[in-house]
Amino acid sequence: MRLHGAHVLLTGATGTIGTRLAEGLAARGARVTVTARGRDALDALAARTGAHPVVADLATPGGPAELLAASASAHGPPDVLVHNAAVELVGRLDDLDASALADAVALNLRAPLELTRLALPGMRARRRGHLVWVSSLAGVATFPGLGPYGATKAGLTRAAAGLRLELRGSGIGTTVAELGPVDSSMMDRARRHAPAEAAFARARRLRVLRDLDPAATAEALLDAVDAGRPHVRLPRRAAPFAALAAAPGLAVRLALTGIRG
C-alpha cells in the first residue's frame, strides 16, 4: 500500500524503532498519528515530524477504542495500522511480577488484536487498508529469560497469519516484521539478564544474529509496506530459520485451504 497521503496510526512511537518509523513515514508524505504512554517525548516527536500526537495506554481495556477515536479526529479513520508498541519482559518466570506479566500480554498481544478488531469494519467498508505487525524472531526461537516476551510475539505472528487468510479479496493487506535484536535501550535491558546475554553472544559468534540498525530496519519495513510485501525478516542471515519455522503452517494451510504463501 502506498504510504504517501495515507493516514498511518503508529503505536509505540517514542521507542527506538517507533521514532525511526515516524520519521520515515513523515518523509514519505504520510499523514501520521503517533501514540505512546508518555506525553513529553511524544510531543517532541510530533513537533519534529508534523504528526498528530495522542497519549494512550493501550494496556488498559478501553485504550484501543479511545486511541482510534482520537486519531480519527485529526486525519479521519486510519488507512494503515502499525502495531509497534511492546514491552520487554526479561527474567526467570518465577521471578517476574504478576502485574508486569499481565501488562506485557495486554500491550504486546491483546492491544493490537483489539485495535485491529475495531478498525477492520471501516477498512472493509472502504476496501482499503494495511495492517503492520512488528513482531520478533523471539517468537521463532526464544532465548532464556525471554519466554513470556517470545510467547506474545509468537502469538502476534500467528494471529497476523490467520488474519491474512480472512482478508483475502478484501483490499486490506498485511505485513509482518520478524526482527532480530535491534540496537536499542530495550536490548540493553535484555542483556542485563546473564543467561539471555550468553545466548545472544553465542548467536553472534556463530553469525546467526547481528544487532540491527534502527534506521535501516525502519526503512526496510516501510519499503515492504509500500511494496505490499507480507513479510520482513531481519537480519537476513536469520531469515531462513524464520521461514523454516513457518513452513509447517504453510503446508497445513495449503492442504486445508489451497492457499499458498
Protein backbone atom coordinates (compact mmCIF):
# COMPACT_ATOMS: atom_id res chain seq x y z
CA MET A 1 0.00 0.00 0.00
CA ARG A 2 1.38 3.38 -0.94
CA LEU A 3 2.16 5.38 2.19
CA HIS A 4 2.15 8.80 0.53
CA GLY A 5 -1.06 10.55 1.55
CA ALA A 6 -2.23 7.64 3.70
CA HIS A 7 -3.27 8.11 7.32
CA VAL A 8 -0.94 5.93 9.37
CA LEU A 9 -1.59 5.20 13.04
CA LEU A 10 1.70 4.24 14.70
CA THR A 11 1.78 2.79 18.22
CA GLY A 12 4.87 2.72 20.39
CA ALA A 13 6.07 5.81 18.54
CA THR A 14 8.67 7.04 21.02
CA GLY A 15 10.69 3.83 21.20
CA THR A 16 13.85 3.23 19.21
CA ILE A 17 12.15 1.69 16.17
CA GLY A 18 8.99 3.78 16.58
CA THR A 19 10.88 7.06 16.34
CA ARG A 20 12.55 5.99 13.10
CA LEU A 21 9.24 4.77 11.70
CA ALA A 22 7.59 8.12 12.49
CA GLU A 23 10.40 9.99 10.80
CA GLY A 24 10.32 7.69 7.77
CA LEU A 25 6.56 7.96 7.43
CA ALA A 26 6.72 11.76 7.51
CA ALA A 27 9.47 11.72 4.87
CA ARG A 28 7.27 9.56 2.62
CA GLY A 29 4.37 12.00 2.82
CA ALA A 30 2.07 10.04 5.10
CA ARG A 31 -0.39 11.71 7.45
CA VAL A 32 0.74 10.28 10.76
CA THR A 33 -0.85 9.82 14.16
CA VAL A 34 1.70 8.82 16.79
CA THR A 35 0.86 7.38 20.17
CA ALA A 36 2.70 6.39 23.34
CA ARG A 37 2.12 6.46 27.08
CA GLY A 38 4.31 9.49 27.89
CA ARG A 39 3.50 13.00 26.73
CA ASP A 40 6.84 14.85 26.66
CA ALA A 41 8.69 12.58 24.24
CA LEU A 42 5.55 12.17 22.13
CA ASP A 43 5.01 15.92 21.79
CA ALA A 44 8.67 16.40 20.84
CA LEU A 45 8.38 13.71 18.16
CA ALA A 46 5.16 15.25 16.82
CA ALA A 47 6.76 18.70 16.65
CA ARG A 48 9.70 17.27 14.71
CA THR A 49 7.67 15.20 12.24
CA GLY A 50 4.37 17.05 11.94
CA ALA A 51 2.49 14.05 13.32
CA HIS A 52 -0.69 14.23 15.40
CA PRO A 53 0.12 13.05 18.96
CA VAL A 54 -2.29 11.02 21.08
CA VAL A 55 -1.30 9.92 24.57
CA ALA A 56 -2.83 6.48 25.22
CA ASP A 57 -2.32 3.44 27.40
CA LEU A 58 -3.15 0.51 25.16
CA ALA A 59 -2.74 -1.97 28.00
CA THR A 60 -5.98 -0.72 29.57
CA PRO A 61 -9.24 -2.31 28.35
CA GLY A 62 -10.56 0.92 26.84
CA GLY A 63 -7.23 2.15 25.47
CA PRO A 64 -7.55 0.91 21.87
CA ALA A 65 -11.04 2.35 21.38
CA GLU A 66 -10.02 5.70 22.86
CA LEU A 67 -6.95 5.83 20.61
CA LEU A 68 -8.91 5.04 17.47
CA ALA A 69 -11.45 7.77 18.20
CA ALA A 70 -8.76 10.34 19.00
CA SER A 71 -6.71 9.55 15.89
CA ALA A 72 -9.75 9.96 13.64
CA SER A 73 -10.34 13.47 14.97
CA ALA A 74 -7.29 14.77 13.11
CA HIS A 75 -6.95 12.65 9.97
CA GLY A 76 -10.08 10.54 9.73
CA PRO A 77 -10.04 6.75 10.04
CA PRO A 78 -6.61 5.14 9.63
CA ASP A 79 -5.58 3.58 6.36
CA VAL A 80 -2.60 1.83 7.96
CA LEU A 81 -2.15 0.48 11.47
CA VAL A 82 1.43 -0.08 12.61
CA HIS A 83 1.42 -2.25 15.73
CA ASN A 84 4.82 -1.38 17.17
CA ALA A 85 4.08 -0.87 20.88
CA ALA A 86 5.64 -3.55 23.07
CA VAL A 87 7.37 -4.01 26.37
CA GLU A 88 10.15 -6.48 27.03
CA LEU A 89 9.87 -8.81 29.99
CA VAL A 90 13.18 -10.36 30.99
CA GLY A 91 13.94 -12.83 33.75
CA ARG A 92 13.03 -16.20 35.17
CA LEU A 93 9.29 -16.74 35.04
CA ASP A 94 9.05 -17.37 38.79
CA ASP A 95 10.87 -14.09 39.44
CA LEU A 96 8.53 -11.97 37.33
CA ASP A 97 5.96 -9.67 38.87
CA ALA A 98 2.37 -10.71 38.16
CA SER A 99 1.26 -7.22 37.16
CA ALA A 100 4.23 -6.80 34.82
CA LEU A 101 3.40 -10.13 33.19
CA ALA A 102 -0.23 -9.12 32.70
CA ASP A 103 0.80 -5.74 31.31
CA ALA A 104 3.15 -7.32 28.77
CA VAL A 105 0.47 -9.69 27.48
CA ALA A 106 -2.04 -6.83 27.31
CA LEU A 107 0.25 -4.42 25.47
CA ASN A 108 2.13 -6.85 23.20
CA LEU A 109 -0.77 -9.08 22.15
CA ARG A 110 -4.23 -8.10 23.33
CA ALA A 111 -3.97 -4.42 22.35
CA PRO A 112 -3.01 -4.93 18.67
CA LEU A 113 -5.73 -7.53 18.26
CA GLU A 114 -8.37 -5.27 19.81
CA LEU A 115 -7.23 -2.22 17.87
CA THR A 116 -7.39 -4.24 14.66
CA ARG A 117 -10.81 -5.63 15.54
CA LEU A 118 -12.14 -2.11 15.98
CA ALA A 119 -10.54 -0.70 12.82
CA LEU A 120 -11.40 -3.54 10.44
CA PRO A 121 -15.10 -2.76 9.80
CA GLY A 122 -14.20 0.66 8.42
CA MET A 123 -11.34 -0.73 6.35
CA ARG A 124 -13.62 -3.42 4.93
CA ALA A 125 -16.26 -0.84 4.04
CA ARG A 126 -13.66 1.30 2.25
CA ARG A 127 -11.97 -1.80 0.77
CA ARG A 128 -8.68 -0.19 1.67
CA GLY A 129 -6.17 -0.66 4.47
CA HIS A 130 -2.95 -2.24 5.64
CA LEU A 131 -2.01 -3.86 8.93
CA VAL A 132 1.63 -3.90 10.04
CA TRP A 133 2.69 -6.20 12.87
CA VAL A 134 6.13 -5.55 14.37
CA SER A 135 6.96 -8.98 15.74
CA SER A 136 10.24 -10.61 16.66
CA LEU A 137 12.46 -13.57 15.96
CA ALA A 138 11.95 -14.26 19.68
CA GLY A 139 8.61 -15.67 18.53
CA VAL A 140 10.52 -18.20 16.43
CA ALA A 141 13.25 -19.22 18.88
CA THR A 142 13.11 -17.73 22.35
CA PHE A 143 16.25 -17.22 24.42
CA PRO A 144 16.39 -17.92 28.18
CA GLY A 145 14.77 -15.19 30.19
CA LEU A 146 12.58 -14.10 27.28
CA GLY A 147 9.91 -16.81 27.35
CA PRO A 148 6.84 -14.62 28.05
CA TYR A 149 8.03 -11.93 25.61
CA GLY A 150 8.63 -14.56 22.93
CA ALA A 151 5.20 -16.04 23.60
CA THR A 152 3.49 -12.70 22.97
CA LYS A 153 5.42 -12.22 19.74
CA ALA A 154 4.69 -15.75 18.55
CA GLY A 155 1.02 -15.07 19.23
CA LEU A 156 1.20 -11.84 17.26
CA THR A 157 2.79 -13.56 14.28
CA ARG A 158 0.27 -16.39 14.29
CA ALA A 159 -2.69 -14.03 14.67
CA ALA A 160 -1.46 -11.99 11.73
CA ALA A 161 -1.09 -15.15 9.62
CA GLY A 162 -4.66 -16.19 10.33
CA LEU A 163 -5.99 -12.71 9.67
CA ARG A 164 -4.22 -12.59 6.32
CA LEU A 165 -6.32 -15.55 5.21
CA GLU A 166 -9.51 -13.85 6.40
CA LEU A 167 -8.69 -10.69 4.45
CA ARG A 168 -8.14 -12.26 1.04
CA GLY A 169 -10.05 -10.25 -1.53
CA SER A 170 -10.94 -7.50 0.94
CA GLY A 171 -8.47 -4.86 -0.30
CA ILE A 172 -6.69 -4.97 3.08
CA GLY A 173 -3.06 -6.06 3.18
CA THR A 174 -0.76 -7.25 5.95
CA THR A 175 2.96 -7.06 6.65
CA VAL A 176 4.62 -8.99 9.47
CA ALA A 177 8.11 -7.97 10.56
CA GLU A 178 10.06 -10.66 12.41
CA LEU A 179 13.06 -8.77 13.75
CA GLY A 180 16.20 -9.86 15.49
CA PRO A 181 17.93 -7.79 18.17
CA VAL A 182 17.85 -4.06 17.46
CA ASP A 183 20.48 -1.70 18.82
CA SER A 184 18.22 -0.11 21.46
CA SER A 185 17.62 0.54 25.13
CA MET A 186 15.27 -2.46 25.13
CA MET A 187 18.13 -4.74 24.09
CA ASP A 188 20.39 -3.13 26.66
CA ARG A 189 17.90 -4.09 29.36
CA ALA A 190 17.53 -7.63 27.99
CA ARG A 191 21.28 -8.15 28.12
CA ARG A 192 21.39 -7.45 31.83
CA HIS A 193 19.96 -10.95 32.28
CA ALA A 194 23.09 -13.12 32.15
CA PRO A 195 21.55 -16.24 30.53
CA ALA A 196 19.96 -14.13 27.79
CA GLU A 197 23.19 -12.25 27.12
CA ALA A 198 25.12 -15.52 26.94
CA ALA A 199 22.69 -16.83 24.33
CA PHE A 200 22.89 -13.62 22.30
CA ALA A 201 26.68 -13.70 22.46
CA ARG A 202 26.74 -17.29 21.18
CA ALA A 203 24.37 -16.41 18.32
CA ARG A 204 26.63 -13.52 17.34
CA ARG A 205 29.74 -15.73 17.43
CA LEU A 206 28.00 -18.24 15.17
CA ARG A 207 26.95 -15.36 12.90
CA VAL A 208 23.31 -16.35 13.20
CA LEU A 209 22.33 -12.92 14.54
CA ARG A 210 23.68 -9.41 14.48
CA ASP A 211 22.38 -6.21 16.02
CA LEU A 212 20.15 -4.33 13.61
CA ASP A 213 20.49 -0.62 12.88
CA PRO A 214 17.19 1.03 13.88
CA ALA A 215 17.04 3.49 10.98
CA ALA A 216 17.82 0.86 8.34
CA THR A 217 15.32 -1.55 9.91
CA ALA A 218 12.56 1.06 9.86
CA GLU A 219 13.27 1.87 6.21
CA ALA A 220 13.16 -1.81 5.27
CA LEU A 221 9.79 -2.18 6.97
CA LEU A 222 8.34 0.91 5.27
CA ASP A 223 9.68 -0.29 1.90
CA ALA A 224 7.82 -3.57 2.46
CA VAL A 225 4.56 -1.78 3.23
CA ASP A 226 4.92 0.48 0.18
CA ALA A 227 5.50 -2.62 -1.97
CA GLY A 228 2.75 -4.65 -0.31
CA ARG A 229 5.11 -7.42 0.80
CA PRO A 230 3.71 -9.73 3.50
CA HIS A 231 6.95 -10.44 5.39
CA VAL A 232 10.09 -8.71 6.58
CA ARG A 233 12.68 -10.93 8.29
CA LEU A 234 15.85 -9.32 9.59
CA PRO A 235 18.73 -9.85 9.84
CA ARG A 236 18.74 -11.64 6.51
CA ARG A 237 21.13 -14.28 7.82
CA ALA A 238 18.41 -15.40 10.26
CA ALA A 239 15.56 -15.25 7.74
CA PRO A 240 15.89 -18.93 6.68
CA PHE A 241 15.30 -20.02 10.29
CA ALA A 242 12.08 -17.97 10.49
CA ALA A 243 10.96 -19.30 7.11
CA LEU A 244 11.71 -22.87 8.21
CA ALA A 245 9.68 -22.38 11.38
CA ALA A 246 6.76 -21.11 9.30
CA ALA A 247 6.92 -23.98 6.80
CA PRO A 248 4.66 -26.46 8.68
CA GLY A 249 1.94 -23.83 8.95
CA LEU A 250 2.22 -23.06 5.25
CA ALA A 251 1.95 -26.75 4.40
CA VAL A 252 -1.14 -27.18 6.59
CA ARG A 253 -2.69 -24.03 5.09
CA LEU A 254 -2.15 -25.32 1.57
CA ALA A 255 -3.63 -28.71 2.46
CA LEU A 256 -6.70 -27.31 4.19
CA THR A 257 -7.43 -24.18 2.16
CA GLY A 258 -5.47 -24.45 -1.09
CA ILE A 259 -3.97 -21.04 -0.33
CA ARG A 260 -0.24 -20.55 -0.92
CA GLY A 261 2.02 -18.01 0.82
